[in-house]
Amino acid sequence: MNHPLMEFLLPMTQRQIIDRAARRIPKDNRSAFLKHVADQLRPLRDPPDDNTVRHACGHGFTKYGRRI
């Protein structure tokens, strides 16, 4: 994970959720996926819970994931 917001503000379990999700995204879309997830989490005032992080990753999957 290379986005500065995610490196410092999120706990380790949430960073692991995002890393695991990013591994399933094609390499050419991975940086866009991480930026999208960071943009989803940035406006939250309180630290997000695990479900909010999973929801942001799921939205990124629909936008940047593999096409069938």
C-alpha atoms as a PDB file:
ATOM      1  CA  MET A   1       0.000   0.000   0.000  1.00  0.00           C
ATOM      2  CA  ASN A   2       1.620   3.230  -1.085  1.00  0.00           C
ATOM      3  CA  HIS A   3      -0.870   5.957  -0.238  1.00  0.00           C
ATOM      4  CA  PRO A   4       0.316   8.130   2.671  1.00  0.00           C
ATOM      5  CA  LEU A   5      -3.149   8.442   4.220  1.00  0.00           C
ATOM      6  CA  MET A   6      -3.431   4.685   4.549  1.00  0.00           C
ATOM      7  CA  GLU A   7       0.069   4.203   5.906  1.00  0.00           C
ATOM      8  CA  PHE A   8      -0.312   6.431   8.958  1.00  0.00           C
ATOM      9  CA  LEU A   9      -3.981   6.805   9.856  1.00  0.00           C
ATOM     10  CA  LEU A  10      -5.317   3.269   9.601  1.00  0.00           C
ATOM     11  CA  PRO A  11      -4.688   0.455  12.064  1.00  0.00           C
ATOM     12  CA  MET A  12      -2.773  -2.619  10.954  1.00  0.00           C
ATOM     13  CA  THR A  13      -5.872  -4.816  10.472  1.00  0.00           C
ATOM     14  CA  GLN A  14      -7.443  -2.316   8.099  1.00  0.00           C
ATOM     15  CA  ARG A  15      -4.212  -1.946   6.142  1.00  0.00           C
ATOM     16  CA  GLN A  16      -4.150  -5.730   5.795  1.00  0.00           C
ATOM     17  CA  ILE A  17      -7.728  -5.702   4.466  1.00  0.00           C
ATOM     18  CA  ILE A  18      -6.763  -3.146   1.809  1.00  0.00           C
ATOM     19  CA  ASP A  19      -3.538  -4.984   0.908  1.00  0.00           C
ATOM     20  CA  ARG A  20      -5.404  -8.265   0.493  1.00  0.00           C
ATOM     21  CA  ALA A  21      -7.997  -6.553  -1.704  1.00  0.00           C
ATOM     22  CA  ALA A  22      -5.347  -4.777  -3.789  1.00  0.00           C
ATOM     23  CA  ARG A  23      -3.673  -8.086  -4.617  1.00  0.00           C
ATOM     24  CA  ARG A  24      -6.833  -9.136  -6.467  1.00  0.00           C
ATOM     25  CA  ILE A  25      -6.831  -6.042  -8.696  1.00  0.00           C
ATOM     26  CA  PRO A  26      -4.872  -6.157 -11.998  1.00  0.00           C
ATOM     27  CA  LYS A  27      -1.471  -4.489 -11.661  1.00  0.00           C
ATOM     28  CA  ASP A  28      -2.223  -1.701 -14.127  1.00  0.00           C
ATOM     29  CA  ASN A  29      -5.252  -0.605 -12.042  1.00  0.00           C
ATOM     30  CA  ARG A  30      -3.796  -1.155  -8.575  1.00  0.00           C
ATOM     31  CA  SER A  31      -2.610   2.410  -7.920  1.00  0.00           C
ATOM     32  CA  ALA A  32      -5.961   3.801  -9.087  1.00  0.00           C
ATOM     33  CA  PHE A  33      -7.708   1.326  -6.781  1.00  0.00           C
ATOM     34  CA  LEU A  34      -5.645   2.441  -3.770  1.00  0.00           C
ATOM     35  CA  LYS A  35      -6.289   6.097  -4.565  1.00  0.00           C
ATOM     36  CA  HIS A  36     -10.012   5.385  -4.900  1.00  0.00           C
ATOM     37  CA  VAL A  37     -10.148   3.620  -1.517  1.00  0.00           C
ATOM     38  CA  ALA A  38      -8.199   6.467   0.105  1.00  0.00           C
ATOM     39  CA  ASP A  39     -10.594   8.999  -1.417  1.00  0.00           C
ATOM     40  CA  GLN A  40     -13.531   7.027  -0.031  1.00  0.00           C
ATOM     41  CA  LEU A  41     -12.035   6.980   3.481  1.00  0.00           C
ATOM     42  CA  ARG A  42     -10.586  10.492   3.575  1.00  0.00           C
ATOM     43  CA  PRO A  43     -13.761  12.513   4.400  1.00  0.00           C
ATOM     44  CA  LEU A  44     -14.588  10.408   7.461  1.00  0.00           C
ATOM     45  CA  ARG A  45     -14.002  12.351  10.666  1.00  0.00           C
ATOM     46  CA  ASP A  46     -13.801   9.344  12.975  1.00  0.00           C
ATOM     47  CA  PRO A  47     -11.488   6.447  12.200  1.00  0.00           C
ATOM     48  CA  PRO A  48     -13.418   4.039   9.975  1.00  0.00           C
ATOM     49  CA  ASP A  49     -14.380   0.616  11.223  1.00  0.00           C
ATOM     50  CA  ASP A  50     -13.491  -2.602   9.398  1.00  0.00           C
ATOM     51  CA  ASN A  51     -16.867  -2.800   7.650  1.00  0.00           C
ATOM     52  CA  THR A  52     -16.438   0.700   6.193  1.00  0.00           C
ATOM     53  CA  VAL A  53     -13.004  -0.257   4.864  1.00  0.00           C
ATOM     54  CA  ARG A  54     -14.422  -3.445   3.328  1.00  0.00           C
ATOM     55  CA  HIS A  55     -17.238  -1.441   1.744  1.00  0.00           C
ATOM     56  CA  ALA A  56     -14.734   1.000   0.189  1.00  0.00           C
ATOM     57  CA  CYS A  57     -12.709  -1.944  -1.148  1.00  0.00           C
ATOM     58  CA  GLY A  58     -15.857  -3.521  -2.567  1.00  0.00           C
ATOM     59  CA  HIS A  59     -16.727  -0.323  -4.369  1.00  0.00           C
ATOM     60  CA  GLY A  60     -13.193  -0.261  -5.769  1.00  0.00           C
ATOM     61  CA  PHE A  61     -13.619  -3.856  -6.978  1.00  0.00           C
ATOM     62  CA  THR A  62     -16.657  -2.891  -9.013  1.00  0.00           C
ATOM     63  CA  LYS A  63     -14.790   0.021 -10.550  1.00  0.00           C
ATOM     64  CA  TYR A  64     -11.262  -1.391 -11.066  1.00  0.00           C
ATOM     65  CA  GLY A  65     -11.608  -5.162 -10.722  1.00  0.00           C
ATOM     66  CA  ARG A  66     -11.399  -7.842 -13.363  1.00  0.00           C
ATOM     67  CA  ARG A  67     -14.018  -7.759 -16.066  1.00  0.00           C
ATOM     68  CA  ILE A  68     -15.824 -10.991 -16.867  1.00  0.00           C
END
